[in-house]
């Protein structure tokens, strides 16, 4: 190799068969309407994987759905639509790996965070 050149492995996947992730978000009072759900590639966030972030909110039944997700490893988090400084709630991050045509269902629990 020449000085200043890089070596490594690059996997490129081209597919029209994305995965689907759906689920629900709840807290101590039950299913949460309007919770913010975020799906993102795990750290480190790079120039290349920042495009793999998807966001949605839960519907009137506390459910969400994300479609056309590229295969790979992801982290999912949820937060309530509105939170005051006195009571901040969020979910524990969930890590999952999605393959082509996967249809995965998860449940997320919003818990009060310690200050």
PDB file of N, CA and C in Angstrom:
ATOM      1  N   UNK A   1       0.815  -1.179   0.000  1.00  0.00           N
ATOM      2  CA  UNK A   1       0.000   0.000   0.000  1.00  0.00           C
ATOM      3  C   UNK A   1       0.860   1.244   0.000  1.00  0.00           C
ATOM      4  N   UNK A   2       0.329   2.274  -0.604  1.00  0.00           N
ATOM      5  CA  UNK A   2       1.019   3.545  -0.639  1.00  0.00           C
ATOM      6  C   UNK A   2       0.732   4.322   0.642  1.00  0.00           C
ATOM      7  N   UNK A   3       1.646   5.201   0.953  1.00  0.00           N
ATOM      8  CA  UNK A   3       1.465   6.062   2.118  1.00  0.00           C
ATOM      9  C   UNK A   3       0.215   6.916   1.934  1.00  0.00           C
ATOM     10  N   UNK A   4      -0.612   6.988   2.978  1.00  0.00           N
ATOM     11  CA  UNK A   4      -1.829   7.791   2.905  1.00  0.00           C
ATOM     12  C   UNK A   4      -3.030   7.049   2.365  1.00  0.00           C
ATOM     13  N   UNK A   5      -2.866   5.797   1.946  1.00  0.00           N
ATOM     14  CA  UNK A   5      -4.010   5.040   1.448  1.00  0.00           C
ATOM     15  C   UNK A   5      -4.645   4.264   2.594  1.00  0.00           C
ATOM     16  N   UNK A   6      -5.879   3.876   2.411  1.00  0.00           N
ATOM     17  CA  UNK A   6      -6.633   3.186   3.445  1.00  0.00           C
ATOM     18  C   UNK A   6      -7.017   1.801   2.969  1.00  0.00           C
ATOM     19  N   UNK A   7      -7.145   0.895   3.902  1.00  0.00           N
ATOM     20  CA  UNK A   7      -7.651  -0.419   3.558  1.00  0.00           C
ATOM     21  C   UNK A   7      -8.810  -0.733   4.487  1.00  0.00           C
ATOM     22  N   UNK A   8      -9.642  -1.625   4.091  1.00  0.00           N
ATOM     23  CA  UNK A   8     -10.789  -1.998   4.907  1.00  0.00           C
ATOM     24  C   UNK A   8     -11.794  -2.744   4.071  1.00  0.00           C
ATOM     25  N   UNK A   9     -12.906  -3.010   4.674  1.00  0.00           N
ATOM     26  CA  UNK A   9     -13.961  -3.771   4.015  1.00  0.00           C
ATOM     27  C   UNK A   9     -15.182  -2.878   3.865  1.00  0.00           C
ATOM     28  N   UNK A  10     -15.791  -2.930   2.711  1.00  0.00           N
ATOM     29  CA  UNK A  10     -16.997  -2.167   2.445  1.00  0.00           C
ATOM     30  C   UNK A  10     -18.051  -3.128   1.919  1.00  0.00           C
ATOM     31  N   UNK A  11     -19.139  -3.272   2.662  1.00  0.00           N
ATOM     32  CA  UNK A  11     -20.252  -4.099   2.209  1.00  0.00           C
ATOM     33  C   UNK A  11     -21.322  -3.183   1.641  1.00  0.00           C
ATOM     34  N   UNK A  12     -21.764  -3.462   0.433  1.00  0.00           N
ATOM     35  CA  UNK A  12     -22.815  -2.686  -0.209  1.00  0.00           C
ATOM     36  C   UNK A  12     -23.990  -3.614  -0.460  1.00  0.00           C
ATOM     37  N   UNK A  13     -25.159  -3.210   0.048  1.00  0.00           N
ATOM     38  CA  UNK A  13     -26.371  -3.994  -0.146  1.00  0.00           C
ATOM     39  C   UNK A  13     -27.352  -3.137  -0.937  1.00  0.00           C
ATOM     40  N   UNK A  14     -27.788  -3.646  -2.076  1.00  0.00           N
ATOM     41  CA  UNK A  14     -28.783  -2.962  -2.888  1.00  0.00           C
ATOM     42  C   UNK A  14     -29.992  -3.882  -2.976  1.00  0.00           C
ATOM     43  N   UNK A  15     -31.116  -3.386  -2.453  1.00  0.00           N
ATOM     44  CA  UNK A  15     -32.303  -4.224  -2.395  1.00  0.00           C
ATOM     45  C   UNK A  15     -33.544  -3.361  -2.324  1.00  0.00           C
ATOM     46  N   UNK A  16     -34.623  -3.870  -2.867  1.00  0.00           N
ATOM     47  CA  UNK A  16     -35.909  -3.191  -2.743  1.00  0.00           C
ATOM     48  C   UNK A  16     -36.771  -3.859  -1.672  1.00  0.00           C
ATOM     49  N   UNK A  17     -36.182  -4.795  -0.951  1.00  0.00           N
ATOM     50  CA  UNK A  17     -36.911  -5.571   0.048  1.00  0.00           C
ATOM     51  C   UNK A  17     -36.537  -5.111   1.453  1.00  0.00           C
ATOM     52  N   UNK A  18     -37.047  -3.962   1.866  1.00  0.00           N
ATOM     53  CA  UNK A  18     -36.735  -3.422   3.183  1.00  0.00           C
ATOM     54  C   UNK A  18     -37.477  -4.140   4.287  1.00  0.00           C
ATOM     55  N   UNK A  19     -37.015  -3.920   5.507  1.00  0.00           N
ATOM     56  CA  UNK A  19     -37.640  -4.511   6.687  1.00  0.00           C
ATOM     57  C   UNK A  19     -38.740  -3.580   7.210  1.00  0.00           C
ATOM     58  N   UNK A  20     -39.562  -4.123   8.108  1.00  0.00           N
ATOM     59  CA  UNK A  20     -40.613  -3.352   8.751  1.00  0.00           C
ATOM     60  C   UNK A  20     -40.483  -3.534  10.254  1.00  0.00           C
ATOM     61  N   UNK A  21     -40.622  -2.431  10.988  1.00  0.00           N
ATOM     62  CA  UNK A  21     -40.593  -2.458  12.441  1.00  0.00           C
ATOM     63  C   UNK A  21     -41.875  -1.816  12.939  1.00  0.00           C
ATOM     64  N   UNK A  22     -42.558  -2.515  13.804  1.00  0.00           N
ATOM     65  CA  UNK A  22     -43.745  -1.923  14.410  1.00  0.00           C
ATOM     66  C   UNK A  22     -43.763  -2.262  15.878  1.00  0.00           C
ATOM     67  N   UNK A  23     -44.613  -1.569  16.602  1.00  0.00           N
ATOM     68  CA  UNK A  23     -44.678  -1.839  18.025  1.00  0.00           C
ATOM     69  C   UNK A  23     -45.570  -0.854  18.740  1.00  0.00           C
ATOM     70  N   UNK A  24     -45.402  -0.816  20.056  1.00  0.00           N
ATOM     71  CA  UNK A  24     -46.203   0.073  20.890  1.00  0.00           C
ATOM     72  C   UNK A  24     -45.302   0.712  21.937  1.00  0.00           C
ATOM     73  N   UNK A  25     -45.767   1.855  22.440  1.00  0.00           N
ATOM     74  CA  UNK A  25     -45.063   2.575  23.493  1.00  0.00           C
ATOM     75  C   UNK A  25     -46.057   2.782  24.631  1.00  0.00           C
ATOM     76  N   UNK A  26     -45.624   2.441  25.837  1.00  0.00           N
ATOM     77  CA  UNK A  26     -46.497   2.605  27.000  1.00  0.00           C
ATOM     78  C   UNK A  26     -45.729   3.225  28.158  1.00  0.00           C
ATOM     79  N   UNK A  27     -46.495   3.710  29.140  1.00  0.00           N
ATOM     80  CA  UNK A  27     -45.920   4.174  30.393  1.00  0.00           C
ATOM     81  C   UNK A  27     -46.735   3.549  31.522  1.00  0.00           C
ATOM     82  N   UNK A  28     -46.603   4.045  32.730  1.00  0.00           N
ATOM     83  CA  UNK A  28     -47.319   3.462  33.868  1.00  0.00           C
ATOM     84  C   UNK A  28     -48.833   3.554  33.732  1.00  0.00           C
ATOM     85  N   UNK A  29     -49.319   4.509  32.921  1.00  0.00           N
ATOM     86  CA  UNK A  29     -50.761   4.693  32.737  1.00  0.00           C
ATOM     87  C   UNK A  29     -51.319   3.949  31.538  1.00  0.00           C
ATOM     88  N   UNK A  30     -50.487   3.241  30.778  1.00  0.00           N
ATOM     89  CA  UNK A  30     -50.947   2.493  29.603  1.00  0.00           C
ATOM     90  C   UNK A  30     -50.270   2.972  28.339  1.00  0.00           C
ATOM     91  N   UNK A  31     -50.902   2.702  27.195  1.00  0.00           N
ATOM     92  CA  UNK A  31     -50.341   3.061  25.895  1.00  0.00           C
ATOM     93  C   UNK A  31     -50.236   4.580  25.756  1.00  0.00           C
ATOM     94  N   UNK A  32     -49.170   5.042  25.097  1.00  0.00           N
ATOM     95  CA  UNK A  32     -48.856   6.461  25.001  1.00  0.00           C
ATOM     96  C   UNK A  32     -49.152   6.988  23.606  1.00  0.00           C
ATOM     97  N   UNK A  33     -50.034   7.969  23.525  1.00  0.00           N
ATOM     98  CA  UNK A  33     -50.388   8.604  22.255  1.00  0.00           C
ATOM     99  C   UNK A  33     -49.354   9.682  21.930  1.00  0.00           C
ATOM    100  N   UNK A  34     -48.895   9.725  20.691  1.00  0.00           N
ATOM    101  CA  UNK A  34     -47.994  10.775  20.235  1.00  0.00           C
ATOM    102  C   UNK A  34     -46.559  10.652  20.699  1.00  0.00           C
ATOM    103  N   UNK A  35     -46.164   9.482  21.214  1.00  0.00           N
ATOM    104  CA  UNK A  35     -44.762   9.307  21.617  1.00  0.00           C
ATOM    105  C   UNK A  35     -43.863   9.384  20.397  1.00  0.00           C
ATOM    106  N   UNK A  36     -42.686   9.935  20.564  1.00  0.00           N
ATOM    107  CA  UNK A  36     -41.712  10.065  19.478  1.00  0.00           C
ATOM    108  C   UNK A  36     -40.809   8.838  19.477  1.00  0.00           C
ATOM    109  N   UNK A  37     -40.793   8.113  18.361  1.00  0.00           N
ATOM    110  CA  UNK A  37     -39.977   6.908  18.208  1.00  0.00           C
ATOM    111  C   UNK A  37     -38.884   7.213  17.197  1.00  0.00           C
ATOM    112  N   UNK A  38     -37.652   6.831  17.538  1.00  0.00           N
ATOM    113  CA  UNK A  38     -36.512   7.102  16.652  1.00  0.00           C
ATOM    114  C   UNK A  38     -35.714   5.817  16.453  1.00  0.00           C
ATOM    115  N   UNK A  39     -35.442   5.501  15.198  1.00  0.00           N
ATOM    116  CA  UNK A  39     -34.642   4.345  14.802  1.00  0.00           C
ATOM    117  C   UNK A  39     -33.367   4.890  14.172  1.00  0.00           C
ATOM    118  N   UNK A  40     -32.212   4.496  14.704  1.00  0.00           N
ATOM    119  CA  UNK A  40     -30.964   5.012  14.138  1.00  0.00           C
ATOM    120  C   UNK A  40     -29.872   3.964  14.205  1.00  0.00           C
ATOM    121  N   UNK A  41     -28.902   4.122  13.305  1.00  0.00           N
ATOM    122  CA  UNK A  41     -27.736   3.228  13.287  1.00  0.00           C
ATOM    123  C   UNK A  41     -26.934   3.495  14.548  1.00  0.00           C
ATOM    124  N   UNK A  42     -26.392   2.460  15.164  1.00  0.00           N
ATOM    125  CA  UNK A  42     -25.641   2.670  16.398  1.00  0.00           C
ATOM    126  C   UNK A  42     -24.380   3.495  16.194  1.00  0.00           C
ATOM    127  N   UNK A  43     -23.855   3.999  17.305  1.00  0.00           N
ATOM    128  CA  UNK A  43     -22.626   4.794  17.270  1.00  0.00           C
ATOM    129  C   UNK A  43     -21.495   3.993  16.657  1.00  0.00           C
ATOM    130  N   UNK A  44     -20.565   4.623  16.047  1.00  0.00           N
ATOM    131  CA  UNK A  44     -20.526   6.070  15.876  1.00  0.00           C
ATOM    132  C   UNK A  44     -21.380   6.500  14.682  1.00  0.00           C
ATOM    133  N   UNK A  45     -22.070   7.611  14.840  1.00  0.00           N
ATOM    134  CA  UNK A  45     -22.840   8.168  13.733  1.00  0.00           C
ATOM    135  C   UNK A  45     -21.835   8.744  12.742  1.00  0.00           C
ATOM    136  N   UNK A  46     -21.899   8.275  11.514  1.00  0.00           N
ATOM    137  CA  UNK A  46     -20.932   8.700  10.510  1.00  0.00           C
ATOM    138  C   UNK A  46     -21.619   9.443   9.383  1.00  0.00           C
ATOM    139  N   UNK A  47     -20.816   9.948   8.486  1.00  0.00           N
ATOM    140  CA  UNK A  47     -21.317  10.633   7.307  1.00  0.00           C
ATOM    141  C   UNK A  47     -22.196   9.701   6.474  1.00  0.00           C
ATOM    142  N   UNK A  48     -21.955   8.395   6.583  1.00  0.00           N
ATOM    143  CA  UNK A  48     -22.645   7.434   5.731  1.00  0.00           C
ATOM    144  C   UNK A  48     -23.879   6.829   6.385  1.00  0.00           C
ATOM    145  N   UNK A  49     -23.866   6.583   7.697  1.00  0.00           N
ATOM    146  CA  UNK A  49     -25.029   5.932   8.298  1.00  0.00           C
ATOM    147  C   UNK A  49     -26.046   6.917   8.870  1.00  0.00           C
ATOM    148  N   UNK A  50     -25.784   8.216   8.814  1.00  0.00           N
ATOM    149  CA  UNK A  50     -26.776   9.177   9.309  1.00  0.00           C
ATOM    150  C   UNK A  50     -28.048   9.167   8.464  1.00  0.00           C
ATOM    151  N   UNK A  51     -27.964   8.648   7.259  1.00  0.00           N
ATOM    152  CA  UNK A  51     -29.144   8.559   6.395  1.00  0.00           C
ATOM    153  C   UNK A  51     -30.075   7.423   6.807  1.00  0.00           C
ATOM    154  N   UNK A  52     -29.619   6.563   7.722  1.00  0.00           N
ATOM    155  CA  UNK A  52     -30.423   5.433   8.158  1.00  0.00           C
ATOM    156  C   UNK A  52     -31.309   5.773   9.349  1.00  0.00           C
ATOM    157  N   UNK A  53     -31.436   7.041   9.712  1.00  0.00           N
ATOM    158  CA  UNK A  53     -32.302   7.461  10.812  1.00  0.00           C
ATOM    159  C   UNK A  53     -33.732   7.579  10.304  1.00  0.00           C
ATOM    160  N   UNK A  54     -34.672   7.011  11.066  1.00  0.00           N
ATOM    161  CA  UNK A  54     -36.093   7.174  10.766  1.00  0.00           C
ATOM    162  C   UNK A  54     -36.803   7.594  12.038  1.00  0.00           C
ATOM    163  N   UNK A  55     -37.846   8.399  11.881  1.00  0.00           N
ATOM    164  CA  UNK A  55     -38.628   8.880  13.016  1.00  0.00           C
ATOM    165  C   UNK A  55     -40.112   8.719  12.717  1.00  0.00           C
ATOM    166  N   UNK A  56     -40.876   8.513  13.782  1.00  0.00           N
ATOM    167  CA  UNK A  56     -42.328   8.478  13.662  1.00  0.00           C
ATOM    168  C   UNK A  56     -42.928   8.782  15.025  1.00  0.00           C
ATOM    169  N   UNK A  57     -44.232   8.865  15.095  1.00  0.00           N
ATOM    170  CA  UNK A  57     -44.931   9.026  16.366  1.00  0.00           C
ATOM    171  C   UNK A  57     -46.001   7.949  16.484  1.00  0.00           C
ATOM    172  N   UNK A  58     -46.368   7.658  17.726  1.00  0.00           N
ATOM    173  CA  UNK A  58     -47.400   6.657  17.936  1.00  0.00           C
ATOM    174  C   UNK A  58     -48.776   7.234  17.610  1.00  0.00           C
ATOM    175  N   UNK A  59     -49.668   6.356  17.180  1.00  0.00           N
ATOM    176  CA  UNK A  59     -51.017   6.770  16.813  1.00  0.00           C
ATOM    177  C   UNK A  59     -51.920   6.844  18.051  1.00  0.00           C
ATOM    178  N   UNK A  60     -53.224   6.978  17.829  1.00  0.00           N
ATOM    179  CA  UNK A  60     -54.180   7.114  18.925  1.00  0.00           C
ATOM    180  C   UNK A  60     -54.294   5.854  19.784  1.00  0.00           C
ATOM    181  N   UNK A  61     -53.706   4.750  19.336  1.00  0.00           N
ATOM    182  CA  UNK A  61     -53.707   3.512  20.109  1.00  0.00           C
ATOM    183  C   UNK A  61     -52.330   3.204  20.706  1.00  0.00           C
ATOM    184  N   UNK A  62     -51.384   4.134  20.544  1.00  0.00           N
ATOM    185  CA  UNK A  62     -50.043   3.936  21.093  1.00  0.00           C
ATOM    186  C   UNK A  62     -49.144   3.066  20.239  1.00  0.00           C
ATOM    187  N   UNK A  63     -49.540   2.824  18.981  1.00  0.00           N
ATOM    188  CA  UNK A  63     -48.756   1.969  18.082  1.00  0.00           C
ATOM    189  C   UNK A  63     -47.987   2.805  17.061  1.00  0.00           C
ATOM    190  N   UNK A  64     -46.896   2.231  16.543  1.00  0.00           N
ATOM    191  CA  UNK A  64     -46.110   2.883  15.504  1.00  0.00           C
ATOM    192  C   UNK A  64     -45.685   1.845  14.471  1.00  0.00           C
ATOM    193  N   UNK A  65     -45.293   2.336  13.293  1.00  0.00           N
ATOM    194  CA  UNK A  65     -44.807   1.466  12.228  1.00  0.00           C
ATOM    195  C   UNK A  65     -43.784   2.219  11.388  1.00  0.00           C
ATOM    196  N   UNK A  66     -42.664   1.557  11.109  1.00  0.00           N
ATOM    197  CA  UNK A  66     -41.633   2.083  10.215  1.00  0.00           C
ATOM    198  C   UNK A  66     -41.414   1.046   9.116  1.00  0.00           C
ATOM    199  N   UNK A  67     -41.341   1.495   7.866  1.00  0.00           N
ATOM    200  CA  UNK A  67     -41.202   0.568   6.743  1.00  0.00           C
ATOM    201  C   UNK A  67     -39.992   0.932   5.894  1.00  0.00           C
ATOM    202  N   UNK A  68     -39.664   0.032   4.963  1.00  0.00           N
ATOM    203  CA  UNK A  68     -38.566   0.232   4.016  1.00  0.00           C
ATOM    204  C   UNK A  68     -37.238   0.523   4.724  1.00  0.00           C
ATOM    205  N   UNK A  69     -36.959  -0.250   5.764  1.00  0.00           N
ATOM    206  CA  UNK A  69     -35.728  -0.080   6.530  1.00  0.00           C
ATOM    207  C   UNK A  69     -34.634  -0.934   5.893  1.00  0.00           C
ATOM    208  N   UNK A  70     -33.490  -0.320   5.635  1.00  0.00           N
ATOM    209  CA  UNK A  70     -32.355  -1.051   5.061  1.00  0.00           C
ATOM    210  C   UNK A  70     -31.847  -2.086   6.061  1.00  0.00           C
ATOM    211  N   UNK A  71     -31.375  -3.236   5.588  1.00  0.00           N
ATOM    212  CA  UNK A  71     -30.818  -4.238   6.504  1.00  0.00           C
ATOM    213  C   UNK A  71     -29.667  -3.639   7.315  1.00  0.00           C
ATOM    214  N   UNK A  72     -29.573  -4.062   8.570  1.00  0.00           N
ATOM    215  CA  UNK A  72     -28.473  -3.578   9.406  1.00  0.00           C
ATOM    216  C   UNK A  72     -28.816  -3.611  10.873  1.00  0.00           C
ATOM    217  N   UNK A  73     -27.890  -3.113  11.671  1.00  0.00           N
ATOM    218  CA  UNK A  73     -28.047  -3.061  13.115  1.00  0.00           C
ATOM    219  C   UNK A  73     -28.535  -1.662  13.496  1.00  0.00           C
ATOM    220  N   UNK A  74     -29.549  -1.601  14.369  1.00  0.00           N
ATOM    221  CA  UNK A  74     -30.168  -0.326  14.742  1.00  0.00           C
ATOM    222  C   UNK A  74     -30.407  -0.247  16.241  1.00  0.00           C
ATOM    223  N   UNK A  75     -30.591   0.988  16.709  1.00  0.00           N
ATOM    224  CA  UNK A  75     -31.038   1.257  18.065  1.00  0.00           C
ATOM    225  C   UNK A  75     -32.354   2.005  17.968  1.00  0.00           C
ATOM    226  N   UNK A  76     -33.310   1.653  18.832  1.00  0.00           N
ATOM    227  CA  UNK A  76     -34.629   2.281  18.845  1.00  0.00           C
ATOM    228  C   UNK A  76     -34.828   2.941  20.205  1.00  0.00           C
ATOM    229  N   UNK A  77     -35.310   4.181  20.202  1.00  0.00           N
ATOM    230  CA  UNK A  77     -35.638   4.876  21.446  1.00  0.00           C
ATOM    231  C   UNK A  77     -37.026   5.495  21.323  1.00  0.00           C
ATOM    232  N   UNK A  78     -37.637   5.794  22.473  1.00  0.00           N
ATOM    233  CA  UNK A  78     -38.937   6.460  22.492  1.00  0.00           C
ATOM    234  C   UNK A  78     -38.948   7.497  23.603  1.00  0.00           C
ATOM    235  N   UNK A  79     -39.639   8.607  23.336  1.00  0.00           N
ATOM    236  CA  UNK A  79     -39.831   9.672  24.318  1.00  0.00           C
ATOM    237  C   UNK A  79     -41.274  10.140  24.208  1.00  0.00           C
ATOM    238  N   UNK A  80     -41.835  10.662  25.301  1.00  0.00           N
ATOM    239  CA  UNK A  80     -43.191  11.195  25.204  1.00  0.00           C
ATOM    240  C   UNK A  80     -43.212  12.459  24.356  1.00  0.00           C
ATOM    241  N   UNK A  81     -44.380  12.778  23.844  1.00  0.00           N
ATOM    242  CA  UNK A  81     -44.528  13.969  22.999  1.00  0.00           C
ATOM    243  C   UNK A  81     -44.187  15.227  23.789  1.00  0.00           C
ATOM    244  N   UNK A  82     -44.657  15.300  25.016  1.00  0.00           N
ATOM    245  CA  UNK A  82     -44.409  16.455  25.865  1.00  0.00           C
ATOM    246  C   UNK A  82     -43.862  15.957  27.186  1.00  0.00           C
ATOM    247  N   UNK A  83     -42.801  16.572  27.656  1.00  0.00           N
ATOM    248  CA  UNK A  83     -42.292  16.224  28.980  1.00  0.00           C
ATOM    249  C   UNK A  83     -41.809  17.491  29.664  1.00  0.00           C
ATOM    250  N   UNK A  84     -42.166  17.642  30.908  1.00  0.00           N
ATOM    251  CA  UNK A  84     -41.715  18.805  31.668  1.00  0.00           C
ATOM    252  C   UNK A  84     -40.373  18.487  32.300  1.00  0.00           C
ATOM    253  N   UNK A  85     -39.684  19.495  32.764  1.00  0.00           N
ATOM    254  CA  UNK A  85     -38.398  19.268  33.402  1.00  0.00           C
ATOM    255  C   UNK A  85     -38.550  18.486  34.700  1.00  0.00           C
ATOM    256  N   UNK A  86     -39.720  18.589  35.336  1.00  0.00           N
ATOM    257  CA  UNK A  86     -39.929  17.900  36.607  1.00  0.00           C
ATOM    258  C   UNK A  86     -40.060  16.391  36.423  1.00  0.00           C
ATOM    259  N   UNK A  87     -40.662  15.972  35.335  1.00  0.00           N
ATOM    260  CA  UNK A  87     -40.841  14.532  35.094  1.00  0.00           C
ATOM    261  C   UNK A  87     -40.420  14.181  33.678  1.00  0.00           C
ATOM    262  N   UNK A  88     -39.182  13.812  33.511  1.00  0.00           N
ATOM    263  CA  UNK A  88     -38.678  13.390  32.205  1.00  0.00           C
ATOM    264  C   UNK A  88     -38.803  11.882  32.080  1.00  0.00           C
ATOM    265  N   UNK A  89     -39.430  11.457  31.012  1.00  0.00           N
ATOM    266  CA  UNK A  89     -39.598  10.031  30.743  1.00  0.00           C
ATOM    267  C   UNK A  89     -38.902   9.689  29.440  1.00  0.00           C
ATOM    268  N   UNK A  90     -38.346   8.501  29.371  1.00  0.00           N
ATOM    269  CA  UNK A  90     -37.837   7.980  28.109  1.00  0.00           C
ATOM    270  C   UNK A  90     -37.692   6.474  28.245  1.00  0.00           C
ATOM    271  N   UNK A  91     -37.503   5.815  27.126  1.00  0.00           N
ATOM    272  CA  UNK A  91     -37.361   4.362  27.132  1.00  0.00           C
ATOM    273  C   UNK A  91     -35.888   3.985  27.188  1.00  0.00           C
ATOM    274  N   UNK A  92     -35.626   2.778  27.627  1.00  0.00           N
ATOM    275  CA  UNK A  92     -34.287   2.220  27.498  1.00  0.00           C
ATOM    276  C   UNK A  92     -34.061   1.929  26.013  1.00  0.00           C
ATOM    277  N   UNK A  93     -32.910   2.271  25.454  1.00  0.00           N
ATOM    278  CA  UNK A  93     -32.652   1.958  24.043  1.00  0.00           C
ATOM    279  C   UNK A  93     -32.696   0.446  23.804  1.00  0.00           C
ATOM    280  N   UNK A  94     -33.295   0.061  22.702  1.00  0.00           N
ATOM    281  CA  UNK A  94     -33.317  -1.347  22.292  1.00  0.00           C
ATOM    282  C   UNK A  94     -32.494  -1.477  21.017  1.00  0.00           C
ATOM    283  N   UNK A  95     -31.596  -2.453  21.006  1.00  0.00           N
ATOM    284  CA  UNK A  95     -30.776  -2.708  19.831  1.00  0.00           C
ATOM    285  C   UNK A  95     -31.308  -3.933  19.112  1.00  0.00           C
ATOM    286  N   UNK A  96     -31.414  -3.841  17.797  1.00  0.00           N
ATOM    287  CA  UNK A  96     -31.891  -4.978  17.013  1.00  0.00           C
ATOM    288  C   UNK A  96     -31.220  -5.000  15.662  1.00  0.00           C
ATOM    289  N   UNK A  97     -31.199  -6.171  15.062  1.00  0.00           N
ATOM    290  CA  UNK A  97     -30.638  -6.345  13.725  1.00  0.00           C
ATOM    291  C   UNK A  97     -31.768  -6.743  12.786  1.00  0.00           C
ATOM    292  N   UNK A  98     -31.897  -6.019  11.694  1.00  0.00           N
ATOM    293  CA  UNK A  98     -32.962  -6.269  10.728  1.00  0.00           C
ATOM    294  C   UNK A  98     -32.368  -6.772   9.417  1.00  0.00           C
ATOM    295  N   UNK A  99     -33.022  -7.760   8.832  1.00  0.00           N
ATOM    296  CA  UNK A  99     -32.628  -8.307   7.531  1.00  0.00           C
ATOM    297  C   UNK A  99     -33.715  -7.972   6.512  1.00  0.00           C
ATOM    298  N   UNK A 100     -33.427  -8.242   5.258  1.00  0.00           N
ATOM    299  CA  UNK A 100     -34.425  -8.018   4.203  1.00  0.00           C
ATOM    300  C   UNK A 100     -35.721  -8.743   4.549  1.00  0.00           C
ATOM    301  N   UNK A 101     -36.838  -8.094   4.302  1.00  0.00           N
ATOM    302  CA  UNK A 101     -38.181  -8.643   4.500  1.00  0.00           C
ATOM    303  C   UNK A 101     -38.533  -8.971   5.943  1.00  0.00           C
ATOM    304  N   UNK A 102     -37.687  -8.606   6.919  1.00  0.00           N
ATOM    305  CA  UNK A 102     -38.042  -8.831   8.325  1.00  0.00           C
ATOM    306  C   UNK A 102     -39.283  -8.030   8.675  1.00  0.00           C
ATOM    307  N   UNK A 103     -40.102  -8.594   9.560  1.00  0.00           N
ATOM    308  CA  UNK A 103     -41.254  -7.901  10.124  1.00  0.00           C
ATOM    309  C   UNK A 103     -41.145  -8.109  11.631  1.00  0.00           C
ATOM    310  N   UNK A 104     -40.608  -7.109  12.316  1.00  0.00           N
ATOM    311  CA  UNK A 104     -40.306  -7.216  13.737  1.00  0.00           C
ATOM    312  C   UNK A 104     -41.254  -6.343  14.543  1.00  0.00           C
ATOM    313  N   UNK A 105     -41.697  -6.873  15.689  1.00  0.00           N
ATOM    314  CA  UNK A 105     -42.577  -6.145  16.594  1.00  0.00           C
ATOM    315  C   UNK A 105     -41.888  -6.012  17.950  1.00  0.00           C
ATOM    316  N   UNK A 106     -41.893  -4.798  18.502  1.00  0.00           N
ATOM    317  CA  UNK A 106     -41.301  -4.560  19.810  1.00  0.00           C
ATOM    318  C   UNK A 106     -42.269  -3.773  20.698  1.00  0.00           C
ATOM    319  N   UNK A 107     -42.039  -3.836  21.986  1.00  0.00           N
ATOM    320  CA  UNK A 107     -42.778  -3.023  22.951  1.00  0.00           C
ATOM    321  C   UNK A 107     -41.777  -2.165  23.692  1.00  0.00           C
ATOM    322  N   UNK A 108     -42.104  -0.879  23.827  1.00  0.00           N
ATOM    323  CA  UNK A 108     -41.211   0.049  24.516  1.00  0.00           C
ATOM    324  C   UNK A 108     -41.932   0.637  25.714  1.00  0.00           C
ATOM    325  N   UNK A 109     -41.225   0.744  26.821  1.00  0.00           N
ATOM    326  CA  UNK A 109     -41.794   1.259  28.071  1.00  0.00           C
ATOM    327  C   UNK A 109     -41.101   2.563  28.428  1.00  0.00           C
ATOM    328  N   UNK A 110     -41.902   3.620  28.616  1.00  0.00           N
ATOM    329  CA  UNK A 110     -41.361   4.904  29.061  1.00  0.00           C
ATOM    330  C   UNK A 110     -41.248   4.867  30.577  1.00  0.00           C
ATOM    331  N   UNK A 111     -40.065   5.209  31.082  1.00  0.00           N
ATOM    332  CA  UNK A 111     -39.831   5.191  32.521  1.00  0.00           C
ATOM    333  C   UNK A 111     -39.287   6.528  32.968  1.00  0.00           C
ATOM    334  N   UNK A 112     -39.635   6.917  34.192  1.00  0.00           N
ATOM    335  CA  UNK A 112     -39.157   8.169  34.751  1.00  0.00           C
ATOM    336  C   UNK A 112     -37.662   8.081  34.969  1.00  0.00           C
ATOM    337  N   UNK A 113     -36.940   9.091  34.489  1.00  0.00           N
ATOM    338  CA  UNK A 113     -35.484   9.110  34.612  1.00  0.00           C
ATOM    339  C   UNK A 113     -35.073   9.783  35.907  1.00  0.00           C
ATOM    340  N   UNK A 114     -34.013   9.271  36.504  1.00  0.00           N
ATOM    341  CA  UNK A 114     -33.471   9.861  37.725  1.00  0.00           C
ATOM    342  C   UNK A 114     -32.719  11.131  37.374  1.00  0.00           C
ATOM    343  N   UNK A 115     -32.835  12.136  38.196  1.00  0.00           N
ATOM    344  CA  UNK A 115     -32.114  13.394  37.944  1.00  0.00           C
ATOM    345  C   UNK A 115     -30.728  13.333  38.499  1.00  0.00           C
TER     346      UNK A 115
END
